[in-house]
Protein backbone atom coordinates (compact mmCIF):
# COMPACT_ATOMS: atom_id res chain seq x y z
CA MET A 1 -73.04 -12.51 -26.66
CA LEU A 2 -70.60 -15.10 -25.52
CA GLU A 3 -72.77 -17.73 -27.11
CA SER A 4 -72.82 -15.85 -30.44
CA LEU A 5 -69.03 -15.66 -30.48
CA SER A 6 -68.50 -19.27 -29.58
CA ARG A 7 -69.19 -22.29 -31.62
CA ARG A 8 -69.25 -25.92 -30.85
CA SER A 9 -66.75 -28.17 -32.54
CA SER A 10 -67.58 -31.66 -33.74
CA ASP A 11 -65.79 -33.31 -30.81
CA GLY A 12 -67.65 -31.23 -28.24
CA THR A 13 -64.81 -28.87 -27.39
CA LYS A 14 -65.45 -25.15 -27.09
CA SER A 15 -63.32 -22.65 -29.04
CA PHE A 16 -63.49 -18.91 -29.58
CA SER A 17 -63.06 -17.21 -32.88
CA LYS A 18 -60.46 -14.43 -33.20
CA LEU A 19 -61.79 -10.89 -33.04
CA ASN A 20 -60.37 -8.24 -35.40
CA LEU A 21 -59.87 -5.18 -33.19
CA GLY A 22 -58.03 -3.04 -35.76
CA TYR A 23 -54.48 -4.25 -35.24
CA GLU A 24 -52.49 -7.31 -36.07
CA CYS A 25 -51.47 -9.48 -33.17
CA GLN A 26 -47.68 -9.71 -32.99
CA THR A 27 -46.50 -13.02 -31.83
CA THR A 28 -43.47 -13.01 -29.58
CA PRO A 29 -40.99 -15.64 -30.67
CA GLY A 30 -40.32 -18.20 -28.00
CA ARG A 31 -36.93 -18.96 -26.50
CA ARG A 32 -34.61 -21.03 -28.58
CA LYS A 33 -34.36 -24.49 -27.27
CA LEU A 34 -30.79 -25.27 -26.30
CA SER A 35 -29.34 -28.52 -27.38
CA ARG A 36 -27.85 -30.00 -24.25
CA GLN A 37 -25.24 -32.64 -24.44
CA GLU A 38 -26.20 -35.79 -22.69
CA PRO A 39 -24.01 -36.45 -19.65
CA GLU A 40 -21.59 -39.33 -19.93
CA SER A 41 -23.06 -41.13 -16.92
CA ARG A 42 -26.62 -40.98 -18.28
CA LYS A 43 -25.44 -41.92 -21.74
CA ARG A 44 -23.52 -44.88 -20.38
CA LYS A 45 -26.54 -45.99 -18.34
CA ARG A 46 -28.81 -45.73 -21.40
CA LEU A 47 -26.43 -47.77 -23.54
CA LEU A 48 -26.15 -50.42 -20.85
CA GLU A 49 -29.95 -50.65 -20.67
CA GLU A 50 -30.16 -50.97 -24.44
CA SER A 51 -27.52 -53.67 -24.46
CA SER A 52 -29.28 -55.55 -21.65
CA SER A 53 -32.59 -55.37 -23.53
CA THR A 54 -30.84 -56.67 -26.66
CA GLU A 55 -29.39 -59.58 -24.72
CA THR A 56 -32.86 -60.32 -23.31
CA CYS A 57 -34.32 -60.44 -26.83
CA VAL A 58 -31.53 -62.75 -27.95
CA ASN A 59 -32.12 -65.07 -25.01
CA ILE A 60 -35.83 -65.19 -25.75
CA SER A 61 -35.16 -65.97 -29.39
CA GLN A 62 -32.75 -68.72 -28.40
CA THR A 63 -35.29 -70.31 -26.05
CA GLU A 64 -37.89 -70.17 -28.83
CA GLY A 65 -35.60 -72.03 -31.19
CA GLY A 66 -34.39 -69.03 -33.13
CA PRO A 67 -30.90 -68.36 -34.34
CA SER A 68 -28.06 -68.18 -31.81
CA SER A 69 -26.52 -64.92 -30.53
CA SER A 70 -23.40 -65.52 -32.55
CA GLU A 71 -25.45 -65.39 -35.69
CA LEU A 72 -27.15 -62.12 -34.73
CA LEU A 73 -24.34 -60.04 -33.22
CA PRO A 74 -20.61 -60.35 -33.33
CA GLU A 75 -18.71 -60.74 -30.10
CA ALA A 76 -18.49 -57.43 -28.18
CA PHE A 77 -15.44 -56.35 -26.21
CA CYS A 78 -14.58 -53.36 -24.05
CA ASP A 79 -11.07 -52.43 -23.00
CA PHE A 80 -10.78 -49.52 -20.55
CA ASN A 81 -7.02 -49.29 -20.91
CA VAL A 82 -7.01 -48.80 -24.65
CA VAL A 83 -7.04 -45.17 -25.67
CA ASN A 84 -7.61 -45.74 -29.38
CA PRO A 85 -9.55 -48.99 -29.73
CA PRO A 86 -10.01 -50.61 -33.10
CA THR A 87 -12.85 -49.56 -35.34
CA ALA A 88 -16.04 -51.07 -33.93
CA SER A 89 -18.67 -52.83 -35.92
CA VAL A 90 -22.35 -52.09 -35.83
CA GLY A 91 -22.81 -54.22 -32.74
CA THR A 92 -19.92 -52.67 -30.82
CA GLN A 93 -20.35 -49.07 -31.90
CA TYR A 94 -21.13 -48.00 -28.31
CA VAL A 95 -17.56 -48.79 -27.32
CA ASP A 96 -16.13 -45.93 -29.42
CA SER A 97 -18.59 -43.33 -28.25
CA ASP A 98 -18.66 -44.33 -24.59
CA TYR A 99 -15.14 -45.14 -23.48
CA MET A 100 -12.95 -43.04 -25.75
CA ILE A 101 -11.79 -39.71 -24.36
CA SER A 102 -13.53 -36.84 -26.08
CA GLN A 103 -11.41 -34.15 -27.79
CA ASP A 104 -14.06 -31.42 -27.64
CA HIS A 105 -12.50 -29.49 -24.71
CA MET A 106 -9.00 -28.54 -23.62
CA TYR A 107 -9.42 -30.12 -20.21
CA SER A 108 -10.20 -33.53 -21.67
CA LYS A 109 -6.89 -34.36 -23.34
CA PRO A 110 -5.53 -37.84 -23.90
CA TRP A 111 -3.54 -39.25 -21.01
CA SER A 112 -0.40 -39.38 -23.10
CA ASP A 113 -0.47 -35.61 -23.74
CA THR A 114 -1.30 -34.93 -20.10
CA GLN A 115 1.56 -37.14 -19.00
CA ASN A 116 3.98 -35.40 -21.33
CA THR A 117 2.88 -31.98 -20.06
CA PHE A 118 3.23 -33.16 -16.45
CA THR A 119 6.71 -34.47 -17.16
CA GLN A 120 7.78 -31.21 -18.81
CA THR A 121 6.37 -29.17 -15.92
CA ASN A 122 8.21 -31.31 -13.37
CA THR A 123 11.41 -30.92 -15.35
CA ALA A 124 11.04 -27.14 -15.46
CA LEU A 125 10.28 -26.98 -11.75
CA THR A 126 13.24 -29.19 -11.00
CA GLU A 127 15.56 -27.01 -13.04
CA GLU A 128 14.21 -23.84 -11.40
CA LYS A 129 14.55 -25.35 -7.96
CA GLY A 130 18.06 -26.47 -8.79
CA VAL A 131 19.02 -22.93 -9.81
CA GLN A 132 17.49 -21.56 -6.64
CA VAL A 133 19.32 -24.03 -4.46
CA LYS A 134 22.52 -23.24 -6.30
CA ILE A 135 22.07 -19.52 -5.67
CA GLU A 136 21.32 -20.03 -2.00
CA SER A 137 24.26 -22.37 -1.56
CA SER A 138 26.76 -19.85 -2.98
CA ALA A 139 27.67 -17.75 0.07
CA MET A 140 29.30 -14.34 -0.17
CA SER A 141 33.01 -14.07 0.54
CA ALA A 142 35.65 -11.37 0.46
CA LYS A 143 37.79 -13.07 -2.19
CA ILE A 144 34.88 -13.32 -4.63
CA SER A 145 33.01 -10.09 -3.89
CA ILE A 146 35.93 -7.66 -3.57
CA VAL A 147 37.83 -7.70 -6.84
CA THR A 148 38.30 -4.01 -7.61
CA ASP A 149 38.49 -0.78 -5.62
CA SER A 150 34.94 0.12 -6.63
CA ASP A 151 33.69 -3.14 -5.11
CA SER A 152 35.55 -2.46 -1.90
CA LEU A 153 34.30 1.13 -1.70
CA LEU A 154 30.75 -0.07 -2.24
CA TYR A 155 30.76 -2.70 0.49
CA THR A 156 33.31 -1.38 3.01
CA GLY A 157 33.95 2.31 2.32
CA VAL A 158 37.72 1.82 1.86
CA SER A 159 39.91 0.70 -1.01
CA LYS A 160 40.73 -2.93 -1.78
CA GLU A 161 44.31 -2.66 -0.53
CA VAL A 162 43.23 -1.08 2.75
CA PHE A 163 40.56 -3.71 3.32
CA PHE A 164 42.83 -6.73 2.89
CA THR A 165 45.58 -5.05 4.93
CA LEU A 166 43.05 -4.51 7.69
CA ALA A 167 41.96 -8.15 7.39
CA GLU A 168 45.55 -9.32 7.87
CA VAL A 169 45.96 -7.15 10.95
CA MET A 170 42.70 -8.38 12.45
CA SER A 171 43.58 -12.01 11.78
CA GLU A 172 46.53 -11.65 14.18
CA VAL A 173 44.29 -10.54 17.04
CA ASN A 174 41.39 -12.82 16.23
CA THR A 175 40.22 -14.77 19.27
CA PHE A 176 36.74 -15.69 18.05
CA LYS A 177 35.78 -19.14 16.82
CA PHE A 178 33.27 -18.23 14.15
CA GLN A 179 32.85 -20.50 11.16
CA LEU A 180 33.71 -17.76 8.64
CA GLU A 181 37.19 -16.57 7.75
CA VAL A 182 38.46 -13.34 9.27
CA ALA A 183 38.20 -11.49 5.97
CA ASP A 184 34.58 -12.59 5.59
CA GLN A 185 33.80 -11.60 9.18
CA LEU A 186 35.35 -8.19 8.62
CA LEU A 187 33.40 -7.83 5.38
CA LEU A 188 30.15 -8.58 7.21
CA VAL A 189 30.89 -5.96 9.89
CA LEU A 190 31.88 -3.27 7.40
CA MET A 191 28.86 -4.01 5.20
CA LYS A 192 26.67 -3.41 8.22
CA LEU A 193 28.39 -0.06 8.79
CA LYS A 194 28.51 1.02 5.15
CA LEU A 195 25.15 -0.22 3.84
CA ASN A 196 23.26 -0.63 7.14
CA LEU A 197 21.79 -3.93 5.96
CA LEU A 198 19.49 -5.98 8.12
CA PHE A 199 21.00 -8.93 9.91
CA ASP A 200 18.54 -11.14 8.03
CA ASP A 201 20.00 -9.92 4.75
CA LEU A 202 23.58 -10.38 5.94
CA ALA A 203 22.77 -13.88 7.17
CA ARG A 204 21.37 -14.85 3.76
CA ARG A 205 24.35 -13.36 1.93
CA PHE A 206 26.95 -15.19 4.01
CA GLY A 207 24.98 -18.41 4.52
CA ILE A 208 24.72 -18.15 8.30
CA SER A 209 21.95 -17.59 10.81
CA LYS A 210 20.63 -14.20 11.85
CA SER A 211 21.71 -14.66 15.46
CA LEU A 212 25.26 -15.52 14.39
CA ALA A 213 25.47 -12.42 12.18
CA SER A 214 24.30 -10.21 15.06
CA LYS A 215 26.68 -11.90 17.50
CA MET A 216 29.58 -11.48 15.06
CA PHE A 217 28.91 -7.75 14.64
CA ASN A 218 28.58 -7.09 18.37
CA ALA A 219 31.76 -9.06 19.09
CA TRP A 220 33.94 -7.31 16.51
CA MET A 221 32.91 -3.70 17.18
CA PRO A 222 34.85 -3.24 20.47
CA VAL A 223 37.91 -4.96 18.98
CA LEU A 224 37.88 -2.77 15.88
CA ALA A 225 37.38 0.37 17.97
CA GLU A 226 40.32 -0.55 20.20
CA LYS A 227 42.65 -1.24 17.29
CA LEU A 228 41.59 1.67 15.08
CA LYS A 229 41.31 4.42 17.68
CA ASP A 230 44.97 5.36 17.06
CA LEU A 231 43.99 6.45 13.55
CA VAL A 232 41.86 9.21 15.09
CA ALA A 233 44.74 11.02 16.75
CA TRP A 234 45.40 14.63 17.67
CA LEU A 235 48.28 15.73 15.46
CA PRO A 236 51.22 17.77 16.79
CA ARG A 237 51.24 21.46 16.07
CA GLU A 238 54.29 21.18 13.81
CA THR A 239 52.60 18.56 11.64
CA ILE A 240 49.47 20.67 11.33
CA ARG A 241 51.49 23.72 10.28
CA ALA A 242 53.45 21.70 7.72
CA CYS A 243 50.29 20.24 6.13
CA CYS A 244 48.24 23.44 6.23
CA PRO A 245 46.59 24.16 2.85
CA GLU A 246 47.11 27.38 1.00
CA SER A 247 43.57 28.61 1.78
CA PHE A 248 44.41 28.57 5.50
CA ARG A 249 47.91 29.98 5.13
CA GLU A 250 46.63 33.25 3.72
CA ASN A 251 44.20 34.25 6.47
CA TYR A 252 44.27 31.67 9.32
CA PRO A 253 47.74 30.08 9.44
CA ARG A 254 47.55 29.29 13.15
CA THR A 255 44.28 27.35 12.96
CA THR A 256 44.61 24.06 14.80
CA VAL A 257 41.17 22.47 14.57
CA ILE A 258 37.76 23.08 13.02
CA ILE A 259 34.84 21.77 15.06
CA ASP A 260 31.17 21.12 14.48
CA CYS A 261 28.44 18.86 15.85
CA ALA A 262 26.54 16.19 13.93
CA GLU A 263 23.37 14.30 14.78
CA THR A 264 22.08 10.83 13.95
CA PHE A 265 18.47 9.77 14.26
CA ILE A 266 17.74 7.10 16.85
CA GLN A 267 14.70 5.03 17.61
CA ARG A 268 12.22 6.67 19.95
CA PRO A 269 12.93 5.40 23.48
CA THR A 270 10.11 4.09 25.63
CA ASN A 271 11.51 5.67 28.79
CA LEU A 272 10.11 9.19 29.13
CA LYS A 273 13.25 10.67 30.69
CA THR A 274 15.49 9.22 27.98
CA ARG A 275 13.03 10.36 25.35
CA SER A 276 13.15 13.94 26.60
CA GLU A 277 16.98 13.94 26.82
CA THR A 278 17.42 12.69 23.26
CA PHE A 279 14.83 14.90 21.56
CA SER A 280 16.43 17.53 19.32
CA ASN A 281 14.54 20.76 18.68
CA TYR A 282 16.75 21.39 15.66
CA LYS A 283 15.94 18.05 14.01
CA SER A 284 12.49 17.58 15.61
CA HIS A 285 13.44 13.98 16.27
CA ASN A 286 15.19 11.83 18.86
CA THR A 287 18.88 11.99 17.99
CA ALA A 288 22.38 11.15 19.20
CA LYS A 289 24.69 14.17 19.03
CA TYR A 290 28.50 14.10 18.82
CA LEU A 291 31.36 16.55 18.28
CA VAL A 292 33.68 16.25 15.26
CA GLY A 293 37.03 18.05 15.03
CA ILE A 294 39.23 18.04 11.91
CA SER A 295 42.63 19.45 11.07
CA PRO A 296 42.97 22.16 8.40
CA HIS A 297 43.92 19.54 5.78
CA GLY A 298 40.79 17.48 6.51
CA GLN A 299 41.82 14.62 8.83
CA ILE A 300 39.48 13.78 11.70
CA MET A 301 41.46 14.41 14.88
CA PHE A 302 38.67 14.21 17.46
CA ILE A 303 35.38 12.37 17.75
CA SER A 304 33.43 12.60 20.98
CA LYS A 305 31.09 10.13 22.59
CA ALA A 306 27.41 10.33 21.79
CA PHE A 307 25.21 12.71 23.77
CA GLY A 308 21.48 13.20 23.77
CA GLY A 309 20.05 15.44 21.07
CA ARG A 310 18.90 17.90 23.72
CA ALA A 311 22.50 18.76 24.68
CA SER A 312 23.83 22.08 23.41
CA ASP A 313 27.07 22.55 21.49
CA LYS A 314 28.67 24.34 24.43
CA PHE A 315 27.75 21.54 26.82
CA ILE A 316 29.25 18.88 24.54
CA VAL A 317 32.50 20.84 24.16
CA GLU A 318 32.78 21.10 27.92
CA LYS A 319 31.94 17.46 28.75
CA SER A 320 33.56 15.62 25.84
CA GLY A 321 37.19 16.26 26.81
CA PHE A 322 37.93 18.33 23.74
CA LEU A 323 39.45 21.21 25.76
CA ASN A 324 42.18 18.95 27.13
CA TYR A 325 43.87 18.74 23.71
CA LEU A 326 44.26 22.49 23.24
CA LEU A 327 47.56 24.28 23.89
CA PRO A 328 48.29 27.96 24.40
CA GLY A 329 48.54 29.75 21.07
CA ASP A 330 46.11 27.45 19.20
CA GLU A 331 43.16 28.73 17.23
CA VAL A 332 39.78 27.02 17.01
CA MET A 333 37.35 27.64 14.15
CA ALA A 334 33.64 26.98 14.70
CA ASP A 335 30.11 28.05 13.86
CA ARG A 336 28.05 30.74 15.60
CA GLY A 337 26.52 28.22 18.02
CA PHE A 338 29.84 27.55 19.76
CA THR A 339 29.94 30.38 22.26
CA ILE A 340 32.88 28.93 24.17
CA GLU A 341 35.07 31.98 24.70
CA ASP A 342 34.84 31.55 28.46
CA PHE A 343 36.36 28.06 28.12
CA LEU A 344 39.13 29.07 25.73
CA PHE A 345 40.27 32.34 27.25
CA PRO A 346 41.85 30.78 30.38
CA ARG A 347 43.77 28.41 28.07
CA ARG A 348 44.94 31.32 25.87
CA VAL A 349 43.24 29.84 22.82
CA LYS A 350 41.65 32.04 20.18
CA LEU A 351 38.17 31.35 18.77
CA ASN A 352 37.33 32.23 15.16
CA ILE A 353 33.57 32.29 14.55
CA PRO A 354 31.37 34.35 12.21
CA ALA A 355 30.30 37.76 13.50
CA PHE A 356 26.93 38.34 15.21
CA THR A 357 24.42 41.06 14.47
CA LYS A 358 23.43 41.27 18.13
CA CYS A 359 22.89 44.89 19.24
CA LYS A 360 23.78 46.00 15.71
CA PRO A 361 21.50 47.05 12.86
CA GLN A 362 23.74 45.22 10.39
CA LEU A 363 27.24 43.85 9.98
CA SER A 364 30.05 46.19 9.10
CA ASN A 365 32.15 45.73 5.99
CA GLU A 366 34.97 44.24 8.04
CA ASP A 367 32.61 41.75 9.73
CA VAL A 368 31.14 40.72 6.39
CA THR A 369 34.61 40.06 4.96
CA THR A 370 35.67 38.08 8.03
CA THR A 371 32.49 36.01 7.97
CA ARG A 372 32.98 35.13 4.31
CA ARG A 373 36.59 34.09 4.87
CA ILE A 374 35.64 31.88 7.82
CA ALA A 375 32.74 30.31 5.93
CA HIS A 376 35.01 29.62 2.96
CA VAL A 377 37.37 27.41 4.99
CA ARG A 378 35.00 26.17 7.69
CA ILE A 379 32.99 24.30 5.07
CA HIS A 380 35.60 21.50 5.12
CA VAL A 381 34.29 20.20 8.44
CA GLU A 382 30.90 19.77 6.79
CA ARG A 383 32.57 17.73 4.07
CA ALA A 384 34.22 15.52 6.69
CA ILE A 385 30.86 14.95 8.37
CA ARG A 386 29.45 14.11 4.96
CA ARG A 387 32.11 11.42 4.61
CA LEU A 388 31.04 10.06 7.97
CA LYS A 389 27.43 9.97 6.84
CA VAL A 390 28.45 7.88 3.82
CA PHE A 391 28.28 5.03 6.30
CA LYS A 392 24.54 4.43 6.32
CA VAL A 393 24.55 3.33 9.93
CA LEU A 394 25.13 7.02 10.83
CA SER A 395 22.74 8.50 8.27
CA GLY A 396 19.86 6.14 9.06
CA THR A 397 17.86 5.52 12.22
CA VAL A 398 19.78 3.61 14.87
CA PRO A 399 17.72 1.12 16.95
CA VAL A 400 17.78 1.43 20.70
CA SER A 401 19.39 -2.01 20.95
CA SER A 402 22.42 -0.77 18.95
CA LEU A 403 23.09 2.32 21.06
CA LYS A 404 25.39 0.35 23.35
CA ASN A 405 27.88 0.07 20.46
CA PHE A 406 27.32 3.57 19.08
CA ASP A 407 30.51 5.06 20.53
CA ASP A 408 32.56 2.24 19.00
CA ILE A 409 30.74 2.77 15.69
CA LEU A 410 31.75 6.45 15.72
CA ILE A 411 35.43 5.58 16.29
CA VAL A 412 35.51 2.89 13.59
CA CYS A 413 33.77 5.06 10.99
CA SER A 414 36.08 8.00 11.73
CA ALA A 415 39.13 5.76 11.35
CA LEU A 416 37.85 4.42 8.04
CA VAL A 417 37.29 7.99 6.81
CA ASN A 418 40.92 8.83 7.65
CA LEU A 419 42.05 5.81 5.61
CA ARG A 420 40.55 7.31 2.47
CA SER A 421 42.18 9.86 0.15
CA ASP A 422 42.82 13.47 1.16
CA LEU A 423 39.76 15.58 1.82
CA ILE A 424 41.37 18.88 0.77
CA ARG A 425 43.42 18.98 -2.41
CA ASP A 426 45.51 22.11 -2.46
CA VAL A 427 45.71 23.13 -6.12
CA ASN A 428 48.13 25.96 -5.38
CA VAL A 429 50.89 23.63 -4.21
CA ASP A 430 53.40 22.66 -6.87
CA THR A 431 53.25 18.96 -7.66
CA ASP A 432 56.90 18.69 -8.72
C-alpha cells in the first residue's frame, strides 16, 4: 500500500502525496524572526575586513597597471575625538556609522550632554553639602535659642528672666573649664532635665562631643543642687497661715503640709537584691519612690531622697526626716495609705486623711462629707507632682548609671517648680 501511495520523482527522490482524511490541516504560524541589531564590535570588524579587502583589490589593480588608488577612492580619514564629523563621501561612509555616538537610547548620550549633567549634579551636591555643613556648624546657644518666655519654658521649664538670672548666679560660682559659656552649659543641663534628651542629641546641638556633654551634666548637678536647695525650704507657721488660700481657711485653717509619694521608673537592675528592693507592686515596674510635701498655697517645702519602689509610704515618712520639721499644733493632710498616727501623736500633730470603711458596712454621712472636703483640697499635691513630672527626666525611665545623681535631680527640679508661677490661685481674694 505504501508503494501505491508513493511515487517516484524525476530526480529519484521519494515523496508522499497528501491524504484527505476529512479535515483541513491547520498550519501553525512560525515564530516571528526578530531583527537583531548587529553589535558595534562585530560591525566594526566587518567594516575593517571590507576596507582591507578593498585595499587589496586596489593594490592588485595598481600592480597590474590599472588606475591608482587616488583615482578610485578619495582619501579616507577617521577622527575619534570628533563628535560630529563632516559629511562623509561614498568611500568614507563607514566613518559616520561606526564612530559616531548613536542617539537611539538614553544611556548613549553625547559626551557634551553627559558632561553638562555631571557638572550640574556636582553643583547640586556641593550646594547641598554646603547647607549641611552650615547647619552642623551652627551650634545652639542660650542667646539665640531663648528669645521669649515660651522658648525658655520649652527648653528649661522656667521663664526667660529666671533662666538668665540663674545663669548670672552660676557664673559667679563657676569653677569648671568647659569650652562653652556658663549660660550654654546651664541650658544643656536644664534641657537634659526638661526634655530628657540623649547625650548624643545634646552633643550635636551644642557642637561638642558626647563624653563632654555627659561630663558637663554630671559636674553641674551637685553644684545646682547645693545652690538651689534653699528654694525648697520649710516655711514658718506664720507665713503659711498668712498665705493660706480661702479653700483651706474654711475647713482646715491649721493645715501645715500636704504630703504624697511619687514614683519614677528606673532601668531594671542586674543585681537580684536591688531588683527586688526597687520593684513596685503598685506600678508593676522597678521604680524610685520619694516623698513630696507642699504648703497649702502650693509651694514644695519638702522633697525626700529616693527610696526603692518596694518601700511603703509609712516607711518613707519615718526614714526621710520629714517628722523632724513638724511642731506641736500642726496638721498634716495625706491619703489613706499614710497610716502614721503613731508617729504624729507623740509630737501632738493632727493627721487629716479620708475615712476608712474598715469594720463598717458603709461610710456615715459625716464621713462622706469629711472625705469630700479633704479630697477637694488634697488634690493640689497631685498638681505639684504633675509639675515635677513636666521634667521628662522624672516621667521617663532613668538609667541605672544616672541613679547616683537622682537625689540632686529631685532637688533641682523641685527648686525650678518653685520658681514658676503660683500653683493655687485664690479667686476669692480681692485683687485690689
